[in-house]
Amino acid sequence: MIGRRRTRPRSTVLPRLLRGLGTNRATALSAGALAACASLTAGCGIIPGTGGTEDDRIVVMTWAPVGTAATNKPGMTSFARAYARWVNAHGGLGGRKLTILTCNDHNNTVSAAACARRAVREKAVAVVGSYSQYSNAFFPHLEGAGIPYIGGYGVTNAEFTSPLSYPINSGQSTLLAGLGKELAATCGGPVTLVRPDTIAGDALAPMIDAGLQAGGHDDAADQLAAEDATEYSAQAEQALTRATGDPGGKKGCVVPALGDRTSTFMDSFRRSRADYPDVRTATVLGSVDQTVLDASGGASSPYEGAYVTGWYPVASDTRWKGMNQVIKEQAFSDTSIDAADTGVQTTYIAYTVFRQAVESLGEGKVTSATVSNALDDGKFSTGGLTPTLRWKFSDRLGAIGFPRLVNADVTLQTVQKGRLVSAKKGFVDVTGTLESADID
């Protein structure tokens, strides 16, 4: 569960390790060295087409789980590589080449720690736009080396408490708080939350309850499920029974929040739902996106009419023009990159922030310390995809254990004729709901 936590001013929490990347000497690798790097890309840490000399390149890392039995986010690392190609094709960052290291955290602590150690070893100035459930494994390495973590996916407590974390969204928990607030007004019966039986999952129930309570609704039934199950027939039947409530009572809502396994749950839910035709569904982005809706039957899918909370505008919004341009120019044929994927969108916004931080340094050195200082001192625009971002320890949510959560806005979407569309214009601020959450 997320708990209360005292925080101290940043300067007394972590040491700063200044690690310069060297002067801008116009040296060049020999043809033989370039050939070696081309054949040993992972070892050299340079993505083909994005490398510069050892002295004029900016090294960053993006990690995410790929090919695992649970949640996978291959689009995040693929987009990071595409972004580097795009930046370098347009002159780099202040004339410097951007070098992307990518890493598979395999959804386990050992690999997550290994990714962080590699970031330290290869002198990455930041970890950008990444996903991992194992912050206790990777943050100690990043904090020890003073490497900022920009734009994580928001699935762990530490992402909103570590002084070297710069989250761009409000995490899965806040999506559920916003969803609960909406369901309090629209769901007449009991609400059942189906969530992973994990530490990260433990934080979800108090959040949807905070939203429900804000609207005068009873708390949700908290139903645990295995994160890597291959079918959920028993859990679907149980959730539907709970949502039905007393015989003759108002029909309720089932809220699956199982990440990649939400679609697996909904396959079982669809088969069991025939006996419960009035039960509605609702969920959060990250558990469903347009590709999931298309694969589950479009307008005839079990999601039809469901409310979905997200962090950002719908994928068809013109504010995604910059991200779509990167994909068009550098990753049009990469099937792992989907512009409607929340992970890809998070990585794009994180790199947008990182680029502004680097450009604010002018001709100064780009190190983990100078990037962190730029993030601490600046304000960052995402072109309307989020509110203006600024990280400090005096924000309202610091008092309840979220000192780094600076964006508590969510968007409300709904599924109409198989498409995700905006249900309300603009963002909904759930700061007040979070403040009332029972997170002890």
Protein backbone atom coordinates (compact mmCIF):
# COMPACT_ATOMS: atom_id res chain seq x y z
CA MET A 1 0.00 0.00 0.00
CA ILE A 2 1.12 3.58 -0.50
CA GLY A 3 2.00 5.08 2.85
CA ARG A 4 2.76 8.47 4.31
CA ARG A 5 6.32 9.54 4.11
CA ARG A 6 8.40 12.43 5.33
CA THR A 7 10.59 14.10 2.75
CA ARG A 8 13.56 16.38 3.20
CA PRO A 9 14.85 19.11 0.92
CA ARG A 10 16.62 17.56 -1.98
CA SER A 11 20.11 18.80 -1.10
CA THR A 12 20.08 16.79 2.13
CA VAL A 13 18.68 13.61 0.59
CA LEU A 14 21.12 12.66 -2.15
CA PRO A 15 24.73 13.46 -3.00
CA ARG A 16 25.42 14.98 -6.38
CA LEU A 17 27.95 13.19 -8.51
CA LEU A 18 29.17 15.46 -11.28
CA ARG A 19 30.14 13.34 -14.20
CA GLY A 20 31.15 15.34 -17.29
CA LEU A 21 30.92 13.85 -20.68
CA GLY A 22 34.14 15.53 -21.77
CA THR A 23 34.92 18.47 -24.02
CA ASN A 24 33.62 18.95 -27.52
CA ARG A 25 36.73 17.67 -29.27
CA ALA A 26 36.03 16.93 -32.91
CA THR A 27 37.55 13.46 -32.82
CA ALA A 28 36.25 10.60 -34.91
CA LEU A 29 36.15 6.86 -34.50
CA SER A 30 38.21 4.91 -36.99
CA ALA A 31 36.47 2.91 -39.66
CA GLY A 32 37.49 -0.26 -37.87
CA ALA A 33 36.01 0.93 -34.58
CA LEU A 34 32.79 1.89 -36.31
CA ALA A 35 32.57 -1.56 -37.84
CA ALA A 36 33.08 -3.11 -34.42
CA CYS A 37 30.32 -1.00 -32.94
CA ALA A 38 27.97 -1.87 -35.78
CA SER A 39 28.35 -5.55 -34.93
CA LEU A 40 28.28 -5.04 -31.17
CA THR A 41 25.64 -2.37 -30.79
CA ALA A 42 24.53 -3.39 -27.30
CA GLY A 43 28.10 -3.51 -26.04
CA CYS A 44 29.02 -0.13 -27.50
CA GLY A 45 25.75 1.36 -26.27
CA ILE A 46 25.13 3.16 -29.56
CA ILE A 47 22.06 2.69 -31.72
CA PRO A 48 23.04 2.60 -35.43
CA GLY A 49 22.44 5.99 -37.02
CA THR A 50 22.42 7.85 -33.71
CA GLY A 51 26.01 7.71 -32.50
CA GLY A 52 28.52 10.50 -32.37
CA THR A 53 31.98 10.64 -30.89
CA GLU A 54 32.51 9.67 -27.26
CA ASP A 55 32.79 13.35 -26.35
CA ASP A 56 29.91 14.95 -28.24
CA ARG A 57 27.12 12.46 -27.61
CA ILE A 58 24.41 12.59 -24.94
CA VAL A 59 23.67 9.13 -23.54
CA VAL A 60 20.27 8.25 -22.07
CA MET A 61 18.45 4.99 -21.37
CA THR A 62 14.88 3.79 -21.79
CA TRP A 63 13.75 0.46 -20.33
CA ALA A 64 10.55 -1.58 -20.38
CA PRO A 65 9.47 -5.24 -20.14
CA VAL A 66 9.36 -7.08 -23.45
CA GLY A 67 8.32 -10.67 -24.19
CA THR A 68 7.23 -11.55 -20.65
CA ALA A 69 4.21 -13.44 -19.31
CA ALA A 70 2.81 -10.28 -17.70
CA THR A 71 2.69 -6.62 -18.81
CA ASN A 72 4.83 -5.77 -21.86
CA LYS A 73 5.70 -2.34 -23.29
CA PRO A 74 7.86 -2.91 -26.38
CA GLY A 75 6.64 0.29 -28.01
CA MET A 76 8.36 2.41 -25.38
CA THR A 77 11.90 1.26 -26.18
CA SER A 78 11.17 1.14 -29.91
CA PHE A 79 9.87 4.70 -29.88
CA ALA A 80 12.92 5.88 -27.91
CA ARG A 81 15.20 4.55 -30.66
CA ALA A 82 13.03 6.20 -33.31
CA TYR A 83 13.10 9.48 -31.40
CA ALA A 84 16.90 9.44 -31.32
CA ARG A 85 17.03 8.88 -35.07
CA TRP A 86 14.60 11.74 -35.57
CA VAL A 87 16.47 14.15 -33.29
CA ASN A 88 19.81 13.36 -34.87
CA ALA A 89 18.37 13.74 -38.37
CA HIS A 90 17.34 17.25 -37.35
CA GLY A 91 20.67 18.36 -35.92
CA GLY A 92 20.72 16.62 -32.54
CA LEU A 93 20.32 18.36 -29.19
CA GLY A 94 22.25 21.61 -29.34
CA GLY A 95 24.51 20.05 -31.95
CA ARG A 96 25.12 16.94 -29.85
CA LYS A 97 24.17 13.44 -30.95
CA LEU A 98 21.57 11.64 -28.83
CA THR A 99 22.52 8.05 -28.04
CA ILE A 100 19.80 5.73 -26.76
CA LEU A 101 20.48 2.69 -24.62
CA THR A 102 17.50 0.35 -24.29
CA CYS A 103 17.02 -2.41 -21.75
CA ASN A 104 14.50 -5.18 -21.07
CA ASP A 105 13.60 -5.30 -17.37
CA HIS A 106 11.86 -8.68 -17.95
CA ASN A 107 9.33 -7.82 -15.19
CA ASN A 108 11.71 -8.94 -12.46
CA THR A 109 13.96 -7.34 -9.89
CA VAL A 110 17.21 -8.84 -11.16
CA SER A 111 16.83 -7.43 -14.67
CA ALA A 112 15.52 -4.08 -13.42
CA ALA A 113 18.63 -3.68 -11.26
CA ALA A 114 20.84 -4.79 -14.16
CA CYS A 115 19.31 -2.11 -16.41
CA ALA A 116 20.04 0.55 -13.80
CA ARG A 117 23.61 -0.65 -13.31
CA ARG A 118 24.15 -0.47 -17.06
CA ALA A 119 22.84 3.10 -17.11
CA VAL A 120 25.40 3.98 -14.44
CA ARG A 121 28.22 2.10 -16.14
CA GLU A 122 27.61 3.74 -19.52
CA LYS A 123 27.28 7.21 -17.97
CA ALA A 124 23.67 7.85 -18.96
CA VAL A 125 22.63 11.37 -18.01
CA ALA A 126 18.99 10.28 -17.52
CA VAL A 127 16.55 7.37 -17.77
CA VAL A 128 13.67 8.62 -19.89
CA GLY A 129 10.15 7.39 -20.66
CA SER A 130 10.40 3.96 -19.03
CA TYR A 131 8.25 1.30 -17.37
CA SER A 132 9.15 -0.96 -14.46
CA GLN A 133 7.29 -2.27 -11.44
CA TYR A 134 10.53 -2.76 -9.50
CA SER A 135 11.56 0.66 -8.28
CA ASN A 136 13.16 -0.80 -5.15
CA ALA A 137 15.59 -2.62 -7.45
CA PHE A 138 16.52 0.23 -9.78
CA PHE A 139 16.19 3.49 -7.82
CA PRO A 140 19.08 2.82 -5.39
CA HIS A 141 21.49 2.57 -8.34
CA LEU A 142 20.12 5.70 -10.03
CA GLU A 143 20.08 7.68 -6.81
CA GLY A 144 23.61 6.64 -5.92
CA ALA A 145 24.85 7.95 -9.27
CA GLY A 146 22.58 11.01 -9.33
CA ILE A 147 20.78 9.93 -12.52
CA PRO A 148 17.28 11.45 -12.97
CA TYR A 149 14.32 9.23 -13.85
CA ILE A 150 12.11 11.24 -16.22
CA GLY A 151 8.61 10.13 -17.11
CA GLY A 152 8.17 6.71 -15.59
CA TYR A 153 4.83 5.03 -16.13
CA GLY A 154 3.67 5.74 -12.57
CA VAL A 155 3.21 2.17 -11.37
CA THR A 156 5.23 2.42 -8.13
CA ASN A 157 5.23 4.51 -4.99
CA ALA A 158 8.88 5.52 -5.39
CA GLU A 159 8.16 7.30 -8.66
CA PHE A 160 6.23 9.87 -6.64
CA THR A 161 8.65 10.07 -3.69
CA SER A 162 12.23 9.82 -4.98
CA PRO A 163 13.86 13.25 -5.32
CA LEU A 164 15.41 12.07 -8.60
CA SER A 165 12.05 11.09 -10.10
CA TYR A 166 10.32 13.49 -12.49
CA PRO A 167 6.91 11.93 -13.26
CA ILE A 168 4.87 13.43 -16.08
CA ASN A 169 1.57 11.73 -15.28
CA SER A 170 -0.30 10.81 -12.13
CA GLY A 171 0.08 7.04 -12.24
CA GLN A 172 -2.42 4.21 -12.38
CA SER A 173 -3.75 5.01 -8.91
CA THR A 174 -4.91 8.48 -9.90
CA LEU A 175 -6.65 7.14 -12.98
CA LEU A 176 -8.70 4.95 -10.68
CA ALA A 177 -9.47 7.87 -8.38
CA GLY A 178 -10.82 9.81 -11.34
CA LEU A 179 -12.73 6.79 -12.59
CA GLY A 180 -14.26 6.17 -9.17
CA LYS A 181 -15.48 9.75 -9.03
CA GLU A 182 -17.24 9.32 -12.37
CA LEU A 183 -18.72 5.93 -11.48
CA ALA A 184 -20.16 7.35 -8.26
CA ALA A 185 -22.46 9.44 -10.44
CA THR A 186 -23.15 6.93 -13.20
CA CYS A 187 -23.05 3.44 -11.68
CA GLY A 188 -26.20 2.75 -9.69
CA GLY A 189 -25.08 -0.52 -8.09
CA PRO A 190 -22.02 -2.11 -6.50
CA VAL A 191 -18.57 -1.62 -8.06
CA THR A 192 -16.04 -4.46 -8.25
CA LEU A 193 -12.37 -3.73 -8.86
CA VAL A 194 -10.39 -6.61 -10.39
CA ARG A 195 -6.70 -5.84 -9.92
CA PRO A 196 -3.33 -7.63 -9.78
CA ASP A 197 -2.33 -9.49 -6.65
CA THR A 198 0.93 -7.50 -6.46
CA ILE A 199 2.44 -4.76 -4.35
CA ALA A 200 1.69 -2.24 -7.09
CA GLY A 201 -1.87 -3.56 -7.25
CA ASP A 202 -2.34 -3.02 -3.52
CA ALA A 203 -2.32 0.73 -4.10
CA LEU A 204 -5.27 0.67 -6.49
CA ALA A 205 -8.21 -0.15 -4.23
CA PRO A 206 -7.84 2.88 -1.90
CA MET A 207 -7.75 5.15 -4.93
CA ILE A 208 -10.94 4.00 -6.61
CA ASP A 209 -12.58 4.07 -3.16
CA ALA A 210 -11.52 7.71 -2.72
CA GLY A 211 -13.25 8.61 -5.97
CA LEU A 212 -16.37 6.64 -5.10
CA GLN A 213 -16.54 8.20 -1.63
CA ALA A 214 -16.20 11.68 -3.13
CA GLY A 215 -19.45 11.02 -4.96
CA GLY A 216 -21.21 9.40 -2.01
CA HIS A 217 -20.89 5.83 -3.30
CA ASP A 218 -19.95 2.70 -1.35
CA ASP A 219 -16.41 1.36 -1.63
CA ALA A 220 -15.57 -1.10 -4.39
CA ALA A 221 -15.23 -4.81 -3.75
CA ASP A 222 -11.49 -5.51 -3.99
CA GLN A 223 -10.98 -8.66 -6.06
CA LEU A 224 -7.44 -9.96 -6.52
CA ALA A 225 -6.28 -11.84 -9.62
CA ALA A 226 -3.00 -13.30 -10.82
CA GLU A 227 -1.14 -10.88 -13.07
CA ASP A 228 0.00 -13.58 -15.50
CA ALA A 229 -3.04 -15.88 -15.70
CA THR A 230 -4.09 -17.29 -19.06
CA GLU A 231 -7.83 -17.21 -18.27
CA TYR A 232 -10.09 -15.64 -15.66
CA SER A 233 -13.39 -17.53 -15.76
CA ALA A 234 -13.72 -17.87 -11.99
CA GLN A 235 -12.73 -14.25 -11.37
CA ALA A 236 -15.15 -12.97 -14.02
CA GLU A 237 -18.05 -14.94 -12.55
CA GLN A 238 -17.23 -13.69 -9.07
CA ALA A 239 -16.93 -10.08 -10.23
CA LEU A 240 -20.25 -10.22 -12.03
CA THR A 241 -21.96 -11.74 -8.98
CA ARG A 242 -20.61 -9.01 -6.75
CA ALA A 243 -21.60 -6.27 -9.18
CA THR A 244 -25.15 -7.60 -9.35
CA GLY A 245 -25.67 -7.18 -5.63
CA ASP A 246 -28.95 -8.20 -4.07
CA PRO A 247 -31.60 -9.85 -6.27
CA GLY A 248 -33.70 -7.12 -7.84
CA GLY A 249 -31.14 -4.47 -6.93
CA LYS A 250 -29.51 -1.96 -9.24
CA LYS A 251 -26.89 -3.45 -11.51
CA GLY A 252 -23.36 -2.33 -10.89
CA CYS A 253 -20.02 -2.09 -12.64
CA VAL A 254 -16.92 -4.24 -13.05
CA VAL A 255 -13.58 -2.42 -13.30
CA PRO A 256 -10.72 -4.60 -14.56
CA ALA A 257 -7.27 -3.02 -14.06
CA LEU A 258 -4.92 -5.84 -14.99
CA GLY A 259 -2.64 -4.15 -17.50
CA ASP A 260 -1.94 -6.39 -20.48
CA ARG A 261 -4.07 -9.15 -18.94
CA THR A 262 -7.22 -7.01 -18.99
CA SER A 263 -8.07 -8.28 -22.47
CA THR A 264 -7.63 -11.86 -21.24
CA PHE A 265 -10.00 -11.12 -18.37
CA MET A 266 -12.52 -9.59 -20.75
CA ASP A 267 -12.52 -12.72 -22.89
CA SER A 268 -13.70 -14.65 -19.83
CA PHE A 269 -16.01 -11.79 -18.84
CA ARG A 270 -17.71 -11.84 -22.24
CA ARG A 271 -18.55 -15.54 -21.89
CA SER A 272 -19.95 -15.12 -18.39
CA ARG A 273 -21.81 -11.88 -19.01
CA ALA A 274 -24.81 -13.43 -20.78
CA ASP A 275 -26.49 -14.02 -17.43
CA TYR A 276 -25.73 -10.45 -16.26
CA PRO A 277 -26.69 -8.24 -19.24
CA ASP A 278 -27.05 -5.03 -17.24
CA VAL A 279 -23.62 -5.03 -15.60
CA ARG A 280 -21.41 -2.30 -17.06
CA THR A 281 -17.65 -2.10 -17.40
CA ALA A 282 -15.14 0.69 -16.92
CA THR A 283 -11.37 0.74 -16.88
CA VAL A 284 -8.24 2.84 -17.28
CA LEU A 285 -5.87 3.49 -20.15
CA GLY A 286 -2.94 1.16 -19.89
CA SER A 287 -5.45 -1.64 -19.41
CA VAL A 288 -7.27 -0.86 -22.67
CA ASP A 289 -6.50 1.17 -25.78
CA GLN A 290 -7.86 1.42 -29.32
CA THR A 291 -5.97 -1.66 -30.49
CA VAL A 292 -7.57 -3.70 -27.70
CA LEU A 293 -11.02 -2.39 -28.66
CA ASP A 294 -10.43 -3.31 -32.30
CA ALA A 295 -9.25 -6.81 -31.39
CA SER A 296 -12.18 -7.41 -29.04
CA GLY A 297 -14.90 -6.71 -31.59
CA GLY A 298 -15.12 -2.95 -31.99
CA ALA A 299 -18.70 -1.79 -31.46
CA SER A 300 -19.71 -5.30 -30.33
CA SER A 301 -16.93 -5.56 -27.74
CA PRO A 302 -17.72 -5.84 -24.02
CA TYR A 303 -16.19 -2.38 -23.60
CA GLU A 304 -18.91 -0.62 -25.59
CA GLY A 305 -20.29 2.24 -23.50
CA ALA A 306 -17.54 1.92 -20.90
CA TYR A 307 -15.87 4.89 -19.28
CA VAL A 308 -12.08 4.96 -19.53
CA THR A 309 -9.84 7.39 -17.66
CA GLY A 310 -6.48 8.42 -19.09
CA TRP A 311 -3.66 10.87 -18.55
CA TYR A 312 -3.61 12.42 -21.98
CA PRO A 313 -5.95 13.50 -24.80
CA VAL A 314 -7.34 10.85 -27.14
CA ALA A 315 -4.95 9.62 -29.85
CA SER A 316 -6.86 11.48 -32.59
CA ASP A 317 -6.20 14.85 -30.91
CA THR A 318 -4.12 17.25 -33.01
CA ARG A 319 -1.80 17.87 -30.05
CA TRP A 320 -0.09 14.56 -30.89
CA LYS A 321 1.17 16.01 -34.17
CA GLY A 322 4.80 16.04 -33.00
CA MET A 323 4.77 12.39 -31.93
CA ASN A 324 3.07 11.32 -35.15
CA GLN A 325 5.72 13.14 -37.15
CA VAL A 326 8.48 11.21 -35.39
CA ILE A 327 6.71 7.93 -36.16
CA LYS A 328 6.07 8.91 -39.78
CA GLU A 329 9.68 9.88 -40.42
CA GLN A 330 11.52 7.23 -38.45
CA ALA A 331 9.25 4.33 -37.46
CA PHE A 332 6.38 4.10 -39.91
CA SER A 333 6.90 0.36 -40.49
CA ASP A 334 7.66 -0.57 -36.86
CA THR A 335 4.63 -2.56 -35.74
CA SER A 336 5.67 -2.40 -32.08
CA ILE A 337 4.97 1.35 -32.06
CA ASP A 338 1.31 2.34 -31.82
CA ALA A 339 0.45 6.03 -31.53
CA ALA A 340 -2.58 5.09 -29.41
CA ASP A 341 -0.45 3.19 -26.86
CA THR A 342 -0.18 5.04 -23.55
CA GLY A 343 3.37 3.76 -23.09
CA VAL A 344 4.49 5.25 -26.41
CA GLN A 345 2.73 8.51 -25.55
CA THR A 346 4.44 8.63 -22.15
CA THR A 347 7.85 8.09 -23.75
CA TYR A 348 7.22 10.87 -26.27
CA ILE A 349 6.24 13.36 -23.57
CA ALA A 350 9.20 12.35 -21.39
CA TYR A 351 11.63 12.98 -24.25
CA THR A 352 9.91 16.30 -24.96
CA VAL A 353 10.70 17.34 -21.37
CA PHE A 354 14.25 15.98 -21.56
CA ARG A 355 14.92 17.88 -24.78
CA GLN A 356 13.81 21.16 -23.19
CA ALA A 357 16.01 20.50 -20.16
CA VAL A 358 19.08 19.89 -22.34
CA GLU A 359 18.40 22.89 -24.56
CA SER A 360 18.11 25.11 -21.48
CA LEU A 361 21.76 24.31 -20.72
CA GLY A 362 22.93 26.00 -23.92
CA GLU A 363 26.59 25.19 -24.55
CA GLY A 364 27.12 24.02 -20.96
CA LYS A 365 28.00 20.47 -20.01
CA VAL A 366 25.22 17.90 -20.17
CA THR A 367 25.59 15.60 -17.17
CA SER A 368 23.15 13.87 -14.87
CA ALA A 369 23.68 16.68 -12.37
CA THR A 370 23.11 19.54 -14.81
CA VAL A 371 20.03 17.83 -16.26
CA SER A 372 18.59 17.35 -12.76
CA ASN A 373 19.29 20.98 -11.89
CA ALA A 374 17.57 22.11 -15.09
CA LEU A 375 14.54 19.98 -14.23
CA ASP A 376 14.42 21.35 -10.69
CA ASP A 377 14.65 24.96 -11.80
CA GLY A 378 12.48 24.98 -14.90
CA LYS A 379 8.93 24.81 -16.17
CA PHE A 380 8.18 22.47 -19.04
CA SER A 381 5.47 22.68 -21.69
CA THR A 382 4.17 19.55 -23.38
CA GLY A 383 2.09 21.35 -25.97
CA GLY A 384 -1.13 20.88 -24.03
CA LEU A 385 -0.74 17.11 -23.62
CA THR A 386 -0.35 17.71 -19.88
CA PRO A 387 -0.43 20.81 -17.73
CA THR A 388 2.84 22.74 -17.57
CA LEU A 389 5.17 20.58 -15.48
CA ARG A 390 7.27 21.83 -12.58
CA TRP A 391 8.75 19.66 -9.84
CA LYS A 392 9.13 20.93 -6.29
CA PHE A 393 8.57 19.58 -2.79
CA SER A 394 6.03 22.15 -1.65
CA ASP A 395 3.06 20.98 -3.70
CA ARG A 396 -0.20 19.99 -1.99
CA LEU A 397 0.21 16.25 -2.49
CA GLY A 398 3.54 16.16 -0.66
CA ALA A 399 1.62 16.08 2.61
CA ILE A 400 0.05 12.71 1.78
CA GLY A 401 3.17 10.97 0.54
CA PHE A 402 3.28 12.15 -3.09
CA PRO A 403 5.95 14.89 -3.07
CA ARG A 404 6.85 14.38 -6.74
CA LEU A 405 3.30 14.13 -8.12
CA VAL A 406 2.81 17.45 -9.89
CA ASN A 407 0.15 16.49 -12.43
CA ALA A 408 -3.10 15.19 -10.93
CA ASP A 409 -5.14 15.80 -14.08
CA VAL A 410 -6.93 12.97 -15.88
CA THR A 411 -9.04 12.80 -19.01
CA LEU A 412 -12.39 11.03 -19.23
CA GLN A 413 -13.07 9.02 -22.35
CA THR A 414 -15.79 6.62 -23.40
CA VAL A 415 -16.17 3.86 -25.97
CA GLN A 416 -18.69 4.75 -28.67
CA LYS A 417 -19.18 2.50 -31.70
CA GLY A 418 -15.91 0.81 -30.89
CA ARG A 419 -13.86 4.03 -30.74
CA LEU A 420 -12.34 5.88 -27.80
CA VAL A 421 -13.73 9.41 -27.77
CA SER A 422 -13.65 12.23 -25.25
CA ALA A 423 -16.46 12.05 -22.71
CA LYS A 424 -15.61 15.44 -21.19
CA LYS A 425 -13.71 18.35 -22.65
CA GLY A 426 -10.33 19.06 -21.14
CA PHE A 427 -8.79 17.65 -17.99
CA VAL A 428 -10.30 16.76 -14.63
CA ASP A 429 -8.20 17.69 -11.59
CA VAL A 430 -8.44 14.97 -8.91
CA THR A 431 -6.07 16.58 -6.39
CA GLY A 432 -8.86 16.95 -3.85
CA THR A 433 -9.86 13.31 -4.29
CA LEU A 434 -6.29 12.17 -3.72
CA GLU A 435 -6.04 14.25 -0.56
CA SER A 436 -8.97 12.34 0.90
CA ALA A 437 -7.64 8.89 -0.02
CA ASP A 438 -7.14 6.38 2.81
CA ILE A 439 -3.53 5.50 2.02
CA ASP A 440 -2.11 4.75 5.48
